Amino acid sequence: SPERIMYLKSTGATVETPPPPDLK
């Protein structure tokens, strides 16, 4: 049921995470 998958386009539901700190 692909129609039952949606994207929540919202700044209020946006989580943040740190990026990898170095190239390795």
PDB file of all heavy atoms in Angstrom:
ATOM      1  N   SER A   1       0.832  -1.210   0.000  1.00  0.00           N
ATOM      2  CA  SER A   1       0.000   0.000   0.000  1.00  0.00           C
ATOM      3  C   SER A   1       0.864   1.256   0.000  1.00  0.00           C
ATOM      4  O   SER A   1       1.000   1.914   1.036  1.00  0.00           O
ATOM      5  CB  SER A   1      -0.936   0.001   1.211  1.00  0.00           C
ATOM      6  OG  SER A   1      -0.223  -0.314   2.410  1.00  0.00           O
ATOM      7  N   PRO A   2       1.464   1.586  -1.146  1.00  0.00           N
ATOM      8  CA  PRO A   2       2.316   2.783  -1.217  1.00  0.00           C
ATOM      9  C   PRO A   2       1.577   4.066  -0.891  1.00  0.00           C
ATOM     10  O   PRO A   2       2.192   5.031  -0.428  1.00  0.00           O
ATOM     11  CB  PRO A   2       2.809   2.783  -2.673  1.00  0.00           C
ATOM     12  CG  PRO A   2       1.829   1.929  -3.413  1.00  0.00           C
ATOM     13  CD  PRO A   2       1.371   0.896  -2.446  1.00  0.00           C
ATOM     14  N   GLU A   3       0.269   4.070  -1.101  1.00  0.00           N
ATOM     15  CA  GLU A   3      -0.520   5.270  -0.798  1.00  0.00           C
ATOM     16  C   GLU A   3      -0.610   5.548   0.698  1.00  0.00           C
ATOM     17  O   GLU A   3      -0.992   6.640   1.118  1.00  0.00           O
ATOM     18  CB  GLU A   3      -1.928   5.138  -1.389  1.00  0.00           C
ATOM     19  CG  GLU A   3      -2.861   4.180  -0.676  1.00  0.00           C
ATOM     20  CD  GLU A   3      -2.577   2.695  -0.952  1.00  0.00           C
ATOM     21  OE1 GLU A   3      -1.732   2.410  -1.836  1.00  0.00           O
ATOM     22  OE2 GLU A   3      -3.199   1.837  -0.295  1.00  0.00           O
ATOM     23  N   ARG A   4      -0.237   4.581   1.533  1.00  0.00           N
ATOM     24  CA  ARG A   4      -0.297   4.761   2.986  1.00  0.00           C
ATOM     25  C   ARG A   4       1.056   5.156   3.572  1.00  0.00           C
ATOM     26  O   ARG A   4       1.238   5.158   4.783  1.00  0.00           O
ATOM     27  CB  ARG A   4      -0.819   3.491   3.657  1.00  0.00           C
ATOM     28  CG  ARG A   4      -2.252   3.123   3.266  1.00  0.00           C
ATOM     29  CD  ARG A   4      -2.930   2.348   4.371  1.00  0.00           C
ATOM     30  NE  ARG A   4      -3.064   3.160   5.575  1.00  0.00           N
ATOM     31  CZ  ARG A   4      -3.078   2.648   6.819  1.00  0.00           C
ATOM     32  NH1 ARG A   4      -2.926   1.340   6.998  1.00  0.00           N
ATOM     33  NH2 ARG A   4      -3.208   3.444   7.864  1.00  0.00           N
ATOM     34  N   ILE A   5       1.997   5.521   2.698  1.00  0.00           N
ATOM     35  CA  ILE A   5       3.266   6.081   3.135  1.00  0.00           C
ATOM     36  C   ILE A   5       3.265   7.564   2.778  1.00  0.00           C
ATOM     37  O   ILE A   5       3.014   7.930   1.633  1.00  0.00           O
ATOM     38  CB  ILE A   5       4.461   5.387   2.461  1.00  0.00           C
ATOM     39  CG1 ILE A   5       4.479   3.891   2.790  1.00  0.00           C
ATOM     40  CG2 ILE A   5       5.771   6.037   2.887  1.00  0.00           C
ATOM     41  CD1 ILE A   5       5.574   3.120   2.074  1.00  0.00           C
ATOM     42  N   MET A   6       3.503   8.426   3.748  1.00  0.00           N
ATOM     43  CA  MET A   6       3.530   9.859   3.470  1.00  0.00           C
ATOM     44  C   MET A   6       4.769  10.493   4.089  1.00  0.00           C
ATOM     45  O   MET A   6       5.408   9.916   4.980  1.00  0.00           O
ATOM     46  CB  MET A   6       2.269  10.547   4.001  1.00  0.00           C
ATOM     47  CG  MET A   6       2.185  10.664   5.514  1.00  0.00           C
ATOM     48  SD  MET A   6       0.799  11.748   6.034  1.00  0.00           S
ATOM     49  CE  MET A   6       1.415  13.361   5.495  1.00  0.00           C
ATOM     50  N   TYR A   7       5.090  11.664   3.581  1.00  0.00           N
ATOM     51  CA  TYR A   7       6.199  12.430   4.128  1.00  0.00           C
ATOM     52  C   TYR A   7       5.646  13.601   4.914  1.00  0.00           C
ATOM     53  O   TYR A   7       4.759  14.321   4.442  1.00  0.00           O
ATOM     54  CB  TYR A   7       7.126  12.944   3.027  1.00  0.00           C
ATOM     55  CG  TYR A   7       8.445  13.419   3.587  1.00  0.00           C
ATOM     56  CD1 TYR A   7       9.536  12.562   3.637  1.00  0.00           C
ATOM     57  CD2 TYR A   7       8.589  14.703   4.105  1.00  0.00           C
ATOM     58  CE1 TYR A   7      10.742  12.968   4.183  1.00  0.00           C
ATOM     59  CE2 TYR A   7       9.788  15.119   4.656  1.00  0.00           C
ATOM     60  CZ  TYR A   7      10.863  14.251   4.685  1.00  0.00           C
ATOM     61  OH  TYR A   7      12.052  14.645   5.239  1.00  0.00           O
ATOM     62  N   LEU A   8       6.155  13.798   6.122  1.00  0.00           N
ATOM     63  CA  LEU A   8       5.711  14.897   6.971  1.00  0.00           C
ATOM     64  C   LEU A   8       6.634  16.091   6.728  1.00  0.00           C
ATOM     65  O   LEU A   8       7.713  16.200   7.309  1.00  0.00           O
ATOM     66  CB  LEU A   8       5.724  14.484   8.435  1.00  0.00           C
ATOM     67  CG  LEU A   8       5.297  15.527   9.472  1.00  0.00           C
ATOM     68  CD1 LEU A   8       3.984  16.201   9.084  1.00  0.00           C
ATOM     69  CD2 LEU A   8       5.184  14.885  10.851  1.00  0.00           C
ATOM     70  N   LYS A   9       6.204  16.976   5.852  1.00  0.00           N
ATOM     71  CA  LYS A   9       6.979  18.165   5.491  1.00  0.00           C
ATOM     72  C   LYS A   9       6.736  19.231   6.554  1.00  0.00           C
ATOM     73  O   LYS A   9       5.774  19.998   6.486  1.00  0.00           O
ATOM     74  CB  LYS A   9       6.566  18.658   4.108  1.00  0.00           C
ATOM     75  CG  LYS A   9       7.358  19.839   3.573  1.00  0.00           C
ATOM     76  CD  LYS A   9       6.842  20.213   2.191  1.00  0.00           C
ATOM     77  CE  LYS A   9       7.583  21.398   1.601  1.00  0.00           C
ATOM     78  NZ  LYS A   9       7.065  21.741   0.240  1.00  0.00           N
ATOM     79  N   SER A  10       7.611  19.270   7.535  1.00  0.00           N
ATOM     80  CA  SER A  10       7.375  20.135   8.688  1.00  0.00           C
ATOM     81  C   SER A  10       8.687  20.479   9.382  1.00  0.00           C
ATOM     82  O   SER A  10       9.506  19.589   9.638  1.00  0.00           O
ATOM     83  CB  SER A  10       6.433  19.435   9.676  1.00  0.00           C
ATOM     84  OG  SER A  10       6.341  20.140  10.885  1.00  0.00           O
ATOM     85  N   THR A  11       8.866  21.748   9.710  1.00  0.00           N
ATOM     86  CA  THR A  11      10.020  22.130  10.518  1.00  0.00           C
ATOM     87  C   THR A  11       9.822  21.700  11.961  1.00  0.00           C
ATOM     88  O   THR A  11      10.782  21.402  12.667  1.00  0.00           O
ATOM     89  CB  THR A  11      10.251  23.648  10.450  1.00  0.00           C
ATOM     90  OG1 THR A  11       9.059  24.330  10.874  1.00  0.00           O
ATOM     91  CG2 THR A  11      10.581  24.082   9.021  1.00  0.00           C
ATOM     92  N   GLY A  12       8.558  21.653  12.409  1.00  0.00           N
ATOM     93  CA  GLY A  12       8.271  21.271  13.780  1.00  0.00           C
ATOM     94  C   GLY A  12       8.528  19.812  14.072  1.00  0.00           C
ATOM     95  O   GLY A  12       8.646  19.420  15.247  1.00  0.00           O
ATOM     96  N   ALA A  13       8.628  18.986  13.033  1.00  0.00           N
ATOM     97  CA  ALA A  13       8.888  17.559  13.207  1.00  0.00           C
ATOM     98  C   ALA A  13      10.297  17.180  12.769  1.00  0.00           C
ATOM     99  O   ALA A  13      10.618  15.998  12.630  1.00  0.00           O
ATOM    100  CB  ALA A  13       7.873  16.738  12.420  1.00  0.00           C
ATOM    101  N   THR A  14      11.152  18.172  12.548  1.00  0.00           N
ATOM    102  CA  THR A  14      12.510  17.924  12.079  1.00  0.00           C
ATOM    103  C   THR A  14      13.451  17.666  13.254  1.00  0.00           C
ATOM    104  O   THR A  14      13.530  18.484  14.178  1.00  0.00           O
ATOM    105  CB  THR A  14      13.036  19.133  11.277  1.00  0.00           C
ATOM    106  OG1 THR A  14      12.176  19.375  10.156  1.00  0.00           O
ATOM    107  CG2 THR A  14      14.452  18.879  10.785  1.00  0.00           C
ATOM    108  N   VAL A  15      14.141  16.549  13.228  1.00  0.00           N
ATOM    109  CA  VAL A  15      15.136  16.274  14.271  1.00  0.00           C
ATOM    110  C   VAL A  15      16.514  16.591  13.719  1.00  0.00           C
ATOM    111  O   VAL A  15      16.739  16.589  12.502  1.00  0.00           O
ATOM    112  CB  VAL A  15      15.076  14.809  14.767  1.00  0.00           C
ATOM    113  CG1 VAL A  15      13.659  14.416  15.145  1.00  0.00           C
ATOM    114  CG2 VAL A  15      15.636  13.849  13.737  1.00  0.00           C
ATOM    115  N   GLU A  16      17.437  16.860  14.624  1.00  0.00           N
ATOM    116  CA  GLU A  16      18.812  17.177  14.237  1.00  0.00           C
ATOM    117  C   GLU A  16      19.769  16.173  14.865  1.00  0.00           C
ATOM    118  O   GLU A  16      19.536  15.690  15.975  1.00  0.00           O
ATOM    119  CB  GLU A  16      19.189  18.589  14.674  1.00  0.00           C
ATOM    120  CG  GLU A  16      18.446  19.679  13.937  1.00  0.00           C
ATOM    121  CD  GLU A  16      18.966  21.059  14.271  1.00  0.00           C
ATOM    122  OE1 GLU A  16      19.395  21.263  15.434  1.00  0.00           O
ATOM    123  OE2 GLU A  16      18.964  21.931  13.383  1.00  0.00           O
ATOM    124  N   THR A  17      20.829  15.886  14.131  1.00  0.00           N
ATOM    125  CA  THR A  17      21.852  14.971  14.619  1.00  0.00           C
ATOM    126  C   THR A  17      23.211  15.467  14.148  1.00  0.00           C
ATOM    127  O   THR A  17      23.303  16.093  13.078  1.00  0.00           O
ATOM    128  CB  THR A  17      21.586  13.535  14.104  1.00  0.00           C
ATOM    129  OG1 THR A  17      22.494  12.626  14.724  1.00  0.00           O
ATOM    130  CG2 THR A  17      21.738  13.436  12.600  1.00  0.00           C
ATOM    131  N   PRO A  18      24.262  15.256  14.908  1.00  0.00           N
ATOM    132  CA  PRO A  18      25.574  15.748  14.472  1.00  0.00           C
ATOM    133  C   PRO A  18      26.128  14.919  13.321  1.00  0.00           C
ATOM    134  O   PRO A  18      25.917  13.703  13.264  1.00  0.00           O
ATOM    135  CB  PRO A  18      26.441  15.597  15.724  1.00  0.00           C
ATOM    136  CG  PRO A  18      25.769  14.521  16.523  1.00  0.00           C
ATOM    137  CD  PRO A  18      24.300  14.679  16.259  1.00  0.00           C
ATOM    138  N   PRO A  19      26.842  15.548  12.406  1.00  0.00           N
ATOM    139  CA  PRO A  19      27.476  14.803  11.312  1.00  0.00           C
ATOM    140  C   PRO A  19      28.737  14.110  11.801  1.00  0.00           C
ATOM    141  O   PRO A  19      29.233  14.409  12.895  1.00  0.00           O
ATOM    142  CB  PRO A  19      27.815  15.909  10.301  1.00  0.00           C
ATOM    143  CG  PRO A  19      28.105  17.091  11.167  1.00  0.00           C
ATOM    144  CD  PRO A  19      27.141  16.991  12.332  1.00  0.00           C
ATOM    145  N   PRO A  20      29.269  13.184  11.040  1.00  0.00           N
ATOM    146  CA  PRO A  20      30.565  12.599  11.397  1.00  0.00           C
ATOM    147  C   PRO A  20      31.602  13.701  11.573  1.00  0.00           C
ATOM    148  O   PRO A  20      31.672  14.627  10.757  1.00  0.00           O
ATOM    149  CB  PRO A  20      30.890  11.698  10.204  1.00  0.00           C
ATOM    150  CG  PRO A  20      29.556  11.348   9.635  1.00  0.00           C
ATOM    151  CD  PRO A  20      28.710  12.564   9.822  1.00  0.00           C
ATOM    152  N   PRO A  21      32.425  13.627  12.606  1.00  0.00           N
ATOM    153  CA  PRO A  21      33.327  14.728  12.925  1.00  0.00           C
ATOM    154  C   PRO A  21      34.578  14.810  12.055  1.00  0.00           C
ATOM    155  O   PRO A  21      35.226  15.852  11.993  1.00  0.00           O
ATOM    156  CB  PRO A  21      33.711  14.447  14.381  1.00  0.00           C
ATOM    157  CG  PRO A  21      33.597  12.962  14.514  1.00  0.00           C
ATOM    158  CD  PRO A  21      32.449  12.568  13.634  1.00  0.00           C
ATOM    159  N   ASP A  22      34.936  13.716  11.390  1.00  0.00           N
ATOM    160  CA  ASP A  22      36.166  13.725  10.590  1.00  0.00           C
ATOM    161  C   ASP A  22      35.970  12.875   9.345  1.00  0.00           C
ATOM    162  O   ASP A  22      34.962  12.183   9.189  1.00  0.00           O
ATOM    163  CB  ASP A  22      37.355  13.216  11.406  1.00  0.00           C
ATOM    164  CG  ASP A  22      37.082  11.871  12.072  1.00  0.00           C
ATOM    165  OD1 ASP A  22      36.658  10.931  11.364  1.00  0.00           O
ATOM    166  OD2 ASP A  22      37.261  11.762  13.301  1.00  0.00           O
ATOM    167  N   LEU A  23      36.943  12.948   8.456  1.00  0.00           N
ATOM    168  CA  LEU A  23      36.838  12.280   7.165  1.00  0.00           C
ATOM    169  C   LEU A  23      36.730  10.766   7.309  1.00  0.00           C
ATOM    170  O   LEU A  23      35.951  10.118   6.598  1.00  0.00           O
ATOM    171  CB  LEU A  23      38.040  12.642   6.291  1.00  0.00           C
ATOM    172  CG  LEU A  23      38.026  12.090   4.863  1.00  0.00           C
ATOM    173  CD1 LEU A  23      36.814  12.607   4.098  1.00  0.00           C
ATOM    174  CD2 LEU A  23      39.319  12.470   4.136  1.00  0.00           C
ATOM    175  N   LYS A  24      37.465  10.192   8.239  1.00  0.00           N
ATOM    176  CA  LYS A  24      37.448   8.738   8.421  1.00  0.00           C
ATOM    177  C   LYS A  24      36.066   8.248   8.825  1.00  0.00           C
ATOM    178  O   LYS A  24      35.537   7.280   8.252  1.00  0.00           O
ATOM    179  CB  LYS A  24      38.482   8.334   9.470  1.00  0.00           C
ATOM    180  CG  LYS A  24      38.617   6.831   9.664  1.00  0.00           C
ATOM    181  CD  LYS A  24      39.718   6.508  10.669  1.00  0.00           C
ATOM    182  CE  LYS A  24      39.861   5.003  10.858  1.00  0.00           C
ATOM    183  NZ  LYS A  24      40.940   4.685  11.838  1.00  0.00           N
TER     184      LYS A  24
END
